Amino acid sequence: MLRRLKKPQHQAFAETAAKENAPAGGVGKFLGIVDEGSSVTSYRFEGKLEGYKGWEWNVVVFQGKKPSPPTVSEIVLLPGKESIVAPEWVPWSDRRAELDKSLAVESAVSNLEEPEDTKADSEDAGERPPIGKRLRKRLIKKQDANKGKKPRKGSK
């Protein structure tokens, strides 16, 4: 039902309406019309908005009886054939089921593999300070607590 008009009846009216509602420079060239029937026509214009490549402005115009002026029913920005749109929505329960399935497979595979680090954590902790230094810190803390003073610098 898309056709180009040789004598566009309300093209200028629709273009003005689109330009008034779109950001500055957001409406491009005229693309065509779609006869919706019952005195309703959609006028299509190229969308020139950043991030909306391939999108089109559609202005729906109603023309009642000939003496009455045309009326704009709606102005919308719709995706065209070359536009990028979001993928189809997938319910959370379906997405969750796929996630659970993939986690189960990963868990099964990881249980079969040998861990890379076979060293015990106690062996991997590093060196402890000498016993004398540790005892000295404890003694300083205890003395400071007994005197009611703030702890000295270097003791925790």
Protein backbone atom coordinates (compact mmCIF):
# COMPACT_ATOMS: atom_id res chain seq x y z
CA MET A 1 0.00 0.00 0.00
CA LEU A 2 3.07 2.25 0.00
CA ARG A 3 3.00 4.64 -2.91
CA ARG A 4 4.56 7.91 -3.94
CA LEU A 5 2.20 10.77 -4.51
CA LYS A 6 2.43 12.74 -7.73
CA LYS A 7 0.37 15.51 -6.07
CA PRO A 8 0.90 15.22 -2.31
CA GLN A 9 -2.33 16.48 -0.74
CA HIS A 10 -1.21 17.19 2.79
CA GLN A 11 2.52 16.49 2.60
CA ALA A 12 3.57 20.02 3.60
CA PHE A 13 1.06 19.95 6.49
CA ALA A 14 2.46 16.62 7.75
CA GLU A 15 6.07 17.74 7.33
CA THR A 16 5.44 20.91 9.33
CA ALA A 17 3.84 18.86 12.10
CA ALA A 18 6.81 16.47 12.18
CA LYS A 19 9.36 19.30 12.28
CA GLU A 20 7.50 21.01 15.13
CA ASN A 21 7.62 17.85 17.26
CA ALA A 22 11.08 16.54 16.33
CA PRO A 23 14.40 17.99 17.53
CA ALA A 24 16.01 20.56 15.22
CA GLY A 25 17.21 18.89 12.02
CA GLY A 26 15.61 15.58 13.01
CA VAL A 27 13.26 15.29 10.01
CA GLY A 28 14.69 14.44 6.60
CA LYS A 29 13.31 13.95 3.11
CA PHE A 30 9.83 12.71 2.25
CA LEU A 31 9.73 8.92 1.76
CA GLY A 32 6.12 8.23 0.80
CA ILE A 33 2.63 7.65 2.11
CA VAL A 34 0.57 4.74 3.34
CA ASP A 35 -3.18 4.90 2.77
CA GLU A 36 -4.66 3.59 6.01
CA GLY A 37 -8.26 3.80 4.68
CA SER A 38 -11.27 5.71 6.08
CA SER A 39 -9.76 9.12 5.24
CA VAL A 40 -6.57 8.36 7.20
CA THR A 41 -3.12 8.64 5.61
CA SER A 42 0.36 8.15 7.08
CA TYR A 43 3.11 10.37 5.72
CA ARG A 44 6.64 8.98 6.11
CA PHE A 45 9.78 11.10 6.48
CA GLU A 46 13.40 10.13 6.96
CA GLY A 47 14.60 10.35 10.58
CA LYS A 48 17.92 12.15 11.04
CA LEU A 49 18.43 11.69 14.76
CA GLU A 50 21.79 10.58 16.11
CA GLY A 51 21.58 6.94 17.20
CA TYR A 52 18.43 6.26 15.15
CA LYS A 53 19.89 5.31 11.79
CA GLY A 54 17.20 3.97 9.45
CA TRP A 55 14.27 5.17 11.58
CA GLU A 56 11.33 7.08 10.07
CA TRP A 57 8.95 9.77 11.25
CA ASN A 58 5.33 8.82 10.57
CA VAL A 59 2.66 11.50 10.68
CA VAL A 60 -0.90 10.17 10.62
CA VAL A 61 -3.34 12.69 9.11
CA PHE A 62 -7.12 12.45 9.12
CA GLN A 63 -9.14 14.32 6.46
CA GLY A 64 -12.85 14.19 7.11
CA LYS A 65 -15.29 15.83 4.79
CA LYS A 66 -13.58 18.02 2.17
CA PRO A 67 -14.49 21.42 3.67
CA SER A 68 -12.99 20.49 7.08
CA PRO A 69 -9.24 21.00 7.59
CA PRO A 70 -6.90 17.99 8.01
CA THR A 71 -6.08 16.83 11.53
CA VAL A 72 -2.87 15.26 12.82
CA SER A 73 -3.76 12.09 14.71
CA GLU A 74 -0.25 11.07 15.79
CA ILE A 75 3.42 11.67 15.12
CA VAL A 76 5.69 8.71 15.83
CA LEU A 77 9.26 7.63 15.23
CA LEU A 78 9.23 4.05 13.94
CA PRO A 79 12.02 1.66 12.93
CA GLY A 80 12.55 1.27 9.20
CA LYS A 81 13.88 -1.74 7.29
CA GLU A 82 17.55 -0.86 7.95
CA SER A 83 17.20 0.27 11.56
CA ILE A 84 18.80 -1.38 14.56
CA VAL A 85 16.23 -2.56 17.09
CA ALA A 86 16.45 -4.45 20.38
CA PRO A 87 16.12 -8.24 20.25
CA GLU A 88 12.81 -9.87 21.07
CA TRP A 89 11.98 -10.00 24.77
CA VAL A 90 12.61 -13.29 26.55
CA PRO A 91 10.80 -13.98 29.86
CA TRP A 92 13.00 -14.08 32.96
CA SER A 93 12.08 -17.68 33.74
CA ASP A 94 13.41 -18.79 30.31
CA ARG A 95 16.63 -16.78 30.71
CA ARG A 96 17.08 -18.15 34.23
CA ALA A 97 16.58 -21.74 33.02
CA GLU A 98 19.34 -21.29 30.42
CA LEU A 99 21.65 -19.79 33.05
CA ASP A 100 21.00 -22.64 35.50
CA LYS A 101 21.68 -25.19 32.77
CA SER A 102 25.00 -23.58 31.79
CA LEU A 103 26.08 -23.28 35.44
CA ALA A 104 25.31 -26.97 36.01
CA VAL A 105 27.47 -27.93 33.02
CA GLU A 106 30.34 -25.69 34.18
CA SER A 107 30.12 -27.12 37.69
CA ALA A 108 30.23 -30.70 36.39
CA VAL A 109 33.27 -29.95 34.24
CA SER A 110 35.12 -28.13 37.04
CA ASN A 111 34.52 -31.06 39.43
CA LEU A 112 36.31 -33.37 36.98
CA GLU A 113 39.38 -31.13 36.61
CA GLU A 114 42.33 -31.08 39.04
CA PRO A 115 42.81 -27.76 40.81
CA GLU A 116 45.94 -25.90 39.69
CA ASP A 117 47.01 -24.88 43.19
CA THR A 118 47.47 -28.08 45.22
CA LYS A 119 49.49 -26.36 47.96
CA ALA A 120 47.67 -26.08 51.28
CA ASP A 121 46.65 -22.58 52.35
CA SER A 122 48.62 -22.84 55.58
CA GLU A 123 51.79 -23.46 53.58
CA ASP A 124 50.93 -20.62 51.19
CA ALA A 125 50.34 -17.94 53.86
CA GLY A 126 53.88 -16.55 53.95
CA GLU A 127 56.24 -16.04 56.86
CA ARG A 128 55.10 -15.01 60.32
CA PRO A 129 57.06 -12.36 62.20
CA PRO A 130 59.55 -13.69 64.77
CA ILE A 131 58.03 -14.74 68.10
CA GLY A 132 59.92 -12.03 70.00
CA LYS A 133 58.38 -9.24 67.94
CA ARG A 134 54.87 -10.64 68.35
CA LEU A 135 55.24 -11.01 72.12
CA ARG A 136 56.61 -7.45 72.43
CA LYS A 137 53.53 -6.02 70.64
CA ARG A 138 51.19 -7.97 72.94
CA LEU A 139 53.02 -6.75 76.03
CA ILE A 140 52.90 -3.10 74.90
CA LYS A 141 49.15 -3.37 74.22
CA LYS A 142 48.52 -4.88 77.65
CA GLN A 143 50.57 -2.19 79.45
CA ASP A 144 48.82 0.63 77.59
CA ALA A 145 45.40 -0.83 78.40
CA ASN A 146 46.30 -1.06 82.07
CA LYS A 147 47.46 2.57 82.24
CA GLY A 148 44.34 3.85 80.46
CA LYS A 149 46.41 5.60 77.88
CA LYS A 150 46.02 5.58 74.15
CA PRO A 151 47.93 2.78 72.49
CA ARG A 152 51.47 3.68 71.48
CA LYS A 153 52.47 4.12 67.92
CA GLY A 154 53.39 0.81 66.37
CA SER A 155 51.03 -1.30 68.50
CA LYS A 156 47.59 -2.29 67.44
